[in-house]
């Protein structure tokens, strides 16, 4: 067997509306509904973040699903200096960076922020 790519990740969140608003406003993702309108996800590129609201998780799910327990790295096409300017304009505080990091296919230059649940979100450009 050979895995081709990541399709989606599930985030457990406290508030679907606050989470989708953050990811739409700050990261340009698009809120979508699926499964007959019963599920919510954030789409970007060819991937998505499926959202489970705490206390109403869909099964099966992670054994210890909790808001704020994820650590994501998202590759950006926008130059990191422009990303930094956008984050500042949106009032988003940097957790760390810019700094070097090791990505799946080579070195990265990254900044780290937190979403409304405290998940760590790395925004990275390939170097």
N, C-alpha and C. Protein backbone atom coordinates (compact mmCIF):
# COMPACT_ATOMS: atom_id res chain seq x y z
N UNK A 1 0.83 -1.18 0.00
CA UNK A 1 0.00 0.00 0.00
C UNK A 1 0.88 1.24 0.00
N UNK A 2 0.38 2.28 -0.65
CA UNK A 2 1.09 3.56 -0.68
C UNK A 2 0.07 4.69 -0.50
N UNK A 3 0.28 5.54 0.48
CA UNK A 3 -0.60 6.67 0.73
C UNK A 3 -0.24 7.78 -0.25
N UNK A 4 -1.25 8.37 -0.89
CA UNK A 4 -1.02 9.39 -1.91
C UNK A 4 -0.94 10.80 -1.35
N UNK A 5 -1.85 11.17 -0.48
CA UNK A 5 -1.87 12.53 0.07
C UNK A 5 -2.85 12.61 1.22
N UNK A 6 -2.82 13.68 1.92
CA UNK A 6 -3.76 13.94 3.00
C UNK A 6 -5.04 14.51 2.39
N UNK A 7 -6.18 13.97 2.75
CA UNK A 7 -7.46 14.44 2.24
C UNK A 7 -8.11 15.43 3.19
N UNK A 8 -8.21 15.06 4.47
CA UNK A 8 -8.81 15.95 5.46
C UNK A 8 -8.30 15.62 6.86
N UNK A 9 -8.48 16.58 7.73
CA UNK A 9 -8.17 16.44 9.15
C UNK A 9 -9.44 16.86 9.88
N UNK A 10 -9.72 16.25 11.01
CA UNK A 10 -10.89 16.63 11.82
C UNK A 10 -10.42 17.45 13.02
N UNK A 11 -11.04 18.60 13.21
CA UNK A 11 -10.80 19.43 14.38
C UNK A 11 -12.04 19.40 15.26
N UNK A 12 -11.86 19.16 16.53
CA UNK A 12 -12.94 19.30 17.49
C UNK A 12 -12.90 20.73 17.99
N UNK A 13 -14.04 21.43 17.91
CA UNK A 13 -14.08 22.86 18.22
C UNK A 13 -15.17 23.17 19.24
N UNK A 14 -15.00 24.27 19.94
CA UNK A 14 -16.02 24.70 20.90
C UNK A 14 -17.20 25.36 20.21
N UNK A 15 -16.92 26.13 19.14
CA UNK A 15 -17.95 26.95 18.50
C UNK A 15 -17.73 26.93 16.98
N UNK A 16 -18.62 26.27 16.25
CA UNK A 16 -18.47 26.16 14.79
C UNK A 16 -18.41 27.52 14.13
N UNK A 17 -19.27 28.44 14.53
CA UNK A 17 -19.30 29.75 13.88
C UNK A 17 -18.03 30.55 14.12
N UNK A 18 -17.53 30.55 15.35
CA UNK A 18 -16.29 31.28 15.64
C UNK A 18 -15.12 30.67 14.88
N UNK A 19 -15.07 29.35 14.80
CA UNK A 19 -13.97 28.68 14.10
C UNK A 19 -14.03 28.96 12.61
N UNK A 20 -15.21 28.81 12.01
CA UNK A 20 -15.30 29.05 10.56
C UNK A 20 -15.03 30.52 10.24
N UNK A 21 -15.50 31.43 11.07
CA UNK A 21 -15.24 32.85 10.82
C UNK A 21 -13.74 33.13 10.84
N UNK A 22 -13.00 32.57 11.81
CA UNK A 22 -11.55 32.77 11.90
C UNK A 22 -10.85 32.23 10.66
N UNK A 23 -11.12 30.99 10.29
CA UNK A 23 -10.41 30.38 9.17
C UNK A 23 -10.79 31.03 7.83
N UNK A 24 -12.02 31.51 7.71
CA UNK A 24 -12.40 32.24 6.49
C UNK A 24 -11.72 33.60 6.43
N UNK A 25 -11.80 34.35 7.53
CA UNK A 25 -11.27 35.72 7.56
C UNK A 25 -9.75 35.76 7.51
N UNK A 26 -9.11 34.91 8.32
CA UNK A 26 -7.66 34.99 8.46
C UNK A 26 -6.94 34.16 7.40
N UNK A 27 -7.45 32.97 7.08
CA UNK A 27 -6.72 32.08 6.18
C UNK A 27 -7.38 31.89 4.81
N UNK A 28 -8.50 32.54 4.57
CA UNK A 28 -9.12 32.49 3.26
C UNK A 28 -9.76 31.15 2.91
N UNK A 29 -10.02 30.32 3.91
CA UNK A 29 -10.68 29.05 3.65
C UNK A 29 -12.16 29.30 3.40
N UNK A 30 -12.84 28.28 2.91
CA UNK A 30 -14.24 28.40 2.53
C UNK A 30 -15.07 27.40 3.33
N UNK A 31 -16.09 27.89 4.05
CA UNK A 31 -16.99 27.02 4.81
C UNK A 31 -17.87 26.26 3.83
N UNK A 32 -17.94 24.96 4.01
CA UNK A 32 -18.84 24.14 3.21
C UNK A 32 -19.66 23.25 4.14
N UNK A 33 -20.83 22.88 3.68
CA UNK A 33 -21.66 21.92 4.39
C UNK A 33 -21.75 20.67 3.54
N UNK A 34 -21.75 19.52 4.18
CA UNK A 34 -21.84 18.25 3.45
C UNK A 34 -22.67 17.27 4.25
N UNK A 35 -22.82 16.07 3.75
CA UNK A 35 -23.66 15.04 4.40
C UNK A 35 -25.08 15.56 4.59
N UNK A 36 -25.63 16.12 3.50
CA UNK A 36 -27.00 16.61 3.57
C UNK A 36 -27.16 17.84 4.44
N UNK A 37 -26.09 18.60 4.62
CA UNK A 37 -26.14 19.82 5.42
C UNK A 37 -25.97 19.60 6.91
N UNK A 38 -25.64 18.36 7.31
CA UNK A 38 -25.49 18.06 8.74
C UNK A 38 -24.05 18.23 9.22
N UNK A 39 -23.11 18.38 8.30
CA UNK A 39 -21.69 18.48 8.66
C UNK A 39 -21.11 19.78 8.10
N UNK A 40 -20.07 20.28 8.77
CA UNK A 40 -19.40 21.52 8.36
C UNK A 40 -17.92 21.25 8.20
N UNK A 41 -17.33 21.84 7.17
CA UNK A 41 -15.90 21.73 6.93
C UNK A 41 -15.38 23.06 6.41
N UNK A 42 -14.07 23.20 6.44
CA UNK A 42 -13.38 24.35 5.85
C UNK A 42 -12.55 23.82 4.69
N UNK A 43 -12.85 24.29 3.48
CA UNK A 43 -12.18 23.79 2.29
C UNK A 43 -11.06 24.75 1.87
N UNK A 44 -9.98 24.14 1.37
CA UNK A 44 -8.86 24.91 0.81
C UNK A 44 -8.09 23.97 -0.10
N UNK A 45 -7.64 24.47 -1.26
CA UNK A 45 -6.94 23.60 -2.20
C UNK A 45 -7.76 22.35 -2.47
N UNK A 46 -7.13 21.21 -2.36
CA UNK A 46 -7.82 19.93 -2.55
C UNK A 46 -8.04 19.21 -1.23
N UNK A 47 -7.99 19.95 -0.13
CA UNK A 47 -8.14 19.37 1.20
C UNK A 47 -9.25 20.09 1.95
N UNK A 48 -9.56 19.55 3.14
CA UNK A 48 -10.52 20.23 3.99
C UNK A 48 -10.25 19.89 5.45
N UNK A 49 -10.74 20.76 6.32
CA UNK A 49 -10.76 20.51 7.75
C UNK A 49 -12.20 20.23 8.11
N UNK A 50 -12.51 19.01 8.47
CA UNK A 50 -13.85 18.69 8.96
C UNK A 50 -13.94 19.15 10.40
N UNK A 51 -15.09 19.70 10.77
CA UNK A 51 -15.26 20.23 12.11
C UNK A 51 -16.27 19.41 12.90
N UNK A 52 -15.90 19.05 14.11
CA UNK A 52 -16.80 18.41 15.07
C UNK A 52 -16.98 19.38 16.22
N UNK A 53 -18.22 19.71 16.55
CA UNK A 53 -18.44 20.57 17.70
C UNK A 53 -18.39 19.72 18.96
N UNK A 54 -17.63 20.19 19.96
CA UNK A 54 -17.44 19.45 21.20
C UNK A 54 -18.80 19.09 21.80
N UNK A 55 -18.95 17.81 22.16
CA UNK A 55 -20.19 17.32 22.72
C UNK A 55 -21.14 16.77 21.68
N UNK A 56 -20.87 17.07 20.39
CA UNK A 56 -21.71 16.57 19.29
C UNK A 56 -20.83 15.95 18.22
N UNK A 57 -19.77 15.27 18.63
CA UNK A 57 -18.84 14.69 17.67
C UNK A 57 -19.53 13.59 16.85
N UNK A 58 -19.09 13.46 15.61
CA UNK A 58 -19.57 12.39 14.75
C UNK A 58 -18.70 11.16 14.98
N UNK A 59 -19.30 10.00 14.90
CA UNK A 59 -18.57 8.75 15.11
C UNK A 59 -18.27 8.09 13.78
N UNK A 60 -17.13 7.43 13.68
CA UNK A 60 -16.09 7.33 14.70
C UNK A 60 -15.29 8.62 14.78
N UNK A 61 -14.65 8.81 15.91
CA UNK A 61 -13.81 9.99 16.09
C UNK A 61 -12.61 9.63 16.96
N UNK A 62 -11.70 10.58 17.11
CA UNK A 62 -10.50 10.36 17.92
C UNK A 62 -10.91 10.01 19.35
N UNK A 63 -10.19 9.14 19.95
CA UNK A 63 -10.50 8.68 21.32
C UNK A 63 -10.48 9.83 22.32
N UNK A 64 -9.56 10.75 22.18
CA UNK A 64 -9.41 11.88 23.12
C UNK A 64 -9.61 13.21 22.40
N UNK A 65 -10.66 13.33 21.61
CA UNK A 65 -10.92 14.55 20.84
C UNK A 65 -11.22 15.71 21.79
N UNK A 66 -10.42 16.79 21.66
CA UNK A 66 -10.58 17.98 22.50
C UNK A 66 -10.27 19.23 21.68
N UNK A 67 -11.01 20.29 21.91
CA UNK A 67 -10.64 21.56 21.28
C UNK A 67 -9.23 21.96 21.71
N UNK A 68 -8.46 22.45 20.77
CA UNK A 68 -7.13 22.95 21.08
C UNK A 68 -6.04 21.90 21.12
N UNK A 69 -6.31 20.69 20.65
CA UNK A 69 -5.31 19.63 20.73
C UNK A 69 -4.57 19.39 19.41
N UNK A 70 -4.88 20.18 18.37
CA UNK A 70 -4.25 19.97 17.06
C UNK A 70 -3.04 20.88 16.87
N UNK A 71 -2.16 20.43 16.01
CA UNK A 71 -0.97 21.17 15.60
C UNK A 71 -0.86 20.97 14.09
N UNK A 72 -1.25 21.98 13.31
CA UNK A 72 -1.33 21.87 11.86
C UNK A 72 -0.24 22.68 11.19
N UNK A 73 0.23 22.19 10.07
CA UNK A 73 1.13 22.98 9.22
C UNK A 73 0.47 23.13 7.86
N UNK A 74 0.25 24.37 7.45
CA UNK A 74 -0.37 24.68 6.17
C UNK A 74 0.64 25.39 5.29
N UNK A 75 0.88 24.86 4.09
CA UNK A 75 1.75 25.53 3.14
C UNK A 75 0.99 26.66 2.48
N UNK A 76 1.62 27.81 2.39
CA UNK A 76 0.99 28.98 1.77
C UNK A 76 1.66 29.28 0.44
N UNK A 77 0.87 29.79 -0.51
CA UNK A 77 1.41 30.22 -1.79
C UNK A 77 1.83 31.68 -1.74
N UNK A 78 1.23 32.43 -0.83
CA UNK A 78 1.53 33.84 -0.64
C UNK A 78 2.88 33.97 0.06
N UNK A 79 3.76 34.87 -0.40
CA UNK A 79 5.04 35.06 0.29
C UNK A 79 4.81 35.35 1.78
N UNK A 80 5.67 34.79 2.61
CA UNK A 80 5.49 34.87 4.06
C UNK A 80 5.45 36.31 4.57
N UNK A 81 6.20 37.22 3.95
CA UNK A 81 6.15 38.62 4.38
C UNK A 81 4.75 39.20 4.19
N UNK A 82 4.07 38.82 3.11
CA UNK A 82 2.69 39.27 2.88
C UNK A 82 1.74 38.60 3.87
N UNK A 83 2.01 37.34 4.19
CA UNK A 83 1.21 36.63 5.20
C UNK A 83 1.31 37.37 6.53
N UNK A 84 2.52 37.75 6.91
CA UNK A 84 2.72 38.49 8.17
C UNK A 84 1.94 39.80 8.17
N UNK A 85 1.97 40.53 7.07
CA UNK A 85 1.24 41.79 6.97
C UNK A 85 -0.27 41.54 7.10
N UNK A 86 -0.76 40.48 6.47
CA UNK A 86 -2.18 40.14 6.56
C UNK A 86 -2.56 39.78 7.99
N UNK A 87 -1.75 38.97 8.65
CA UNK A 87 -2.04 38.59 10.03
C UNK A 87 -2.11 39.82 10.92
N UNK A 88 -1.16 40.75 10.74
CA UNK A 88 -1.18 42.00 11.52
C UNK A 88 -2.47 42.78 11.25
N UNK A 89 -2.87 42.85 9.97
CA UNK A 89 -4.08 43.61 9.62
C UNK A 89 -5.34 42.98 10.22
N UNK A 90 -5.29 41.68 10.50
CA UNK A 90 -6.43 40.98 11.08
C UNK A 90 -6.36 40.90 12.61
N UNK A 91 -5.30 41.49 13.18
CA UNK A 91 -5.14 41.48 14.63
C UNK A 91 -4.80 40.13 15.21
N UNK A 92 -4.16 39.28 14.40
CA UNK A 92 -3.79 37.93 14.85
C UNK A 92 -2.37 37.97 15.40
N UNK A 93 -2.22 37.56 16.64
CA UNK A 93 -0.91 37.55 17.29
C UNK A 93 -0.08 36.37 16.82
N UNK A 94 1.21 36.60 16.68
CA UNK A 94 2.13 35.51 16.36
C UNK A 94 2.48 34.75 17.63
N UNK A 95 2.45 33.46 17.54
CA UNK A 95 2.89 32.61 18.64
C UNK A 95 4.41 32.44 18.58
N UNK A 96 4.93 32.35 17.33
CA UNK A 96 6.36 32.16 17.12
C UNK A 96 6.69 32.45 15.66
N UNK A 97 7.94 32.86 15.43
CA UNK A 97 8.41 33.01 14.06
C UNK A 97 8.46 34.46 13.64
N UNK A 98 8.92 34.64 12.41
CA UNK A 98 9.29 33.62 11.43
C UNK A 98 10.55 32.86 11.84
N UNK A 99 10.55 31.61 11.47
CA UNK A 99 11.66 30.73 11.81
C UNK A 99 11.71 29.60 10.81
N UNK A 100 12.84 28.94 10.76
CA UNK A 100 13.00 27.79 9.89
C UNK A 100 12.32 26.57 10.49
N UNK A 101 11.85 25.68 9.62
CA UNK A 101 11.23 24.42 10.05
C UNK A 101 11.52 23.36 9.00
N UNK A 102 11.30 22.12 9.36
CA UNK A 102 11.50 21.01 8.43
C UNK A 102 10.15 20.50 7.97
N UNK A 103 9.88 20.62 6.68
CA UNK A 103 8.62 20.15 6.11
C UNK A 103 8.74 18.75 5.56
N UNK A 104 7.66 18.25 5.03
CA UNK A 104 7.62 16.89 4.49
C UNK A 104 8.54 16.73 3.28
N UNK A 105 8.73 17.82 2.51
CA UNK A 105 9.55 17.71 1.30
C UNK A 105 10.76 18.63 1.32
N UNK A 106 11.07 19.21 2.48
CA UNK A 106 12.25 20.05 2.56
C UNK A 106 12.07 21.19 3.54
N UNK A 107 13.03 22.12 3.53
CA UNK A 107 13.01 23.22 4.50
C UNK A 107 11.86 24.20 4.26
N UNK A 108 11.41 24.78 5.36
CA UNK A 108 10.32 25.75 5.34
C UNK A 108 10.73 27.00 6.11
N UNK A 109 10.08 28.09 5.80
CA UNK A 109 10.13 29.31 6.63
C UNK A 109 8.71 29.50 7.12
N UNK A 110 8.53 29.55 8.44
CA UNK A 110 7.19 29.47 9.02
C UNK A 110 6.93 30.53 10.07
N UNK A 111 5.63 30.78 10.27
CA UNK A 111 5.13 31.51 11.43
C UNK A 111 4.04 30.65 12.05
N UNK A 112 3.83 30.82 13.36
CA UNK A 112 2.85 30.02 14.08
C UNK A 112 1.85 30.95 14.74
N UNK A 113 0.55 30.61 14.61
CA UNK A 113 -0.53 31.35 15.23
C UNK A 113 -1.45 30.36 15.96
N UNK A 114 -2.41 30.88 16.70
CA UNK A 114 -3.41 30.04 17.37
C UNK A 114 -4.80 30.39 16.85
N UNK A 115 -5.61 29.36 16.66
CA UNK A 115 -7.00 29.59 16.27
C UNK A 115 -7.84 29.83 17.51
N UNK A 116 -9.16 30.06 17.38
CA UNK A 116 -9.98 30.37 18.55
C UNK A 116 -9.97 29.30 19.64
N UNK A 117 -9.68 28.04 19.30
CA UNK A 117 -9.64 26.97 20.29
C UNK A 117 -8.25 26.75 20.87
N UNK A 118 -7.26 27.49 20.37
CA UNK A 118 -5.89 27.30 20.85
C UNK A 118 -5.08 26.32 20.05
N UNK A 119 -5.66 25.78 18.95
CA UNK A 119 -4.87 24.91 18.09
C UNK A 119 -3.70 25.71 17.52
N UNK A 120 -2.57 25.06 17.40
CA UNK A 120 -1.39 25.69 16.82
C UNK A 120 -1.45 25.52 15.31
N UNK A 121 -1.38 26.64 14.59
CA UNK A 121 -1.45 26.62 13.13
C UNK A 121 -0.15 27.22 12.59
N UNK A 122 0.62 26.39 11.93
CA UNK A 122 1.86 26.83 11.28
C UNK A 122 1.55 27.20 9.84
N UNK A 123 1.98 28.39 9.44
CA UNK A 123 1.83 28.85 8.06
C UNK A 123 3.23 28.89 7.49
N UNK A 124 3.46 28.14 6.41
CA UNK A 124 4.83 27.92 5.95
C UNK A 124 4.96 28.11 4.45
N UNK A 125 6.12 28.67 4.07
CA UNK A 125 6.48 28.72 2.67
C UNK A 125 7.72 27.85 2.48
N UNK A 126 7.79 27.19 1.33
CA UNK A 126 8.98 26.38 1.02
C UNK A 126 10.14 27.30 0.73
N UNK A 127 11.34 26.89 1.19
CA UNK A 127 12.51 27.72 0.92
C UNK A 127 13.44 26.99 -0.03
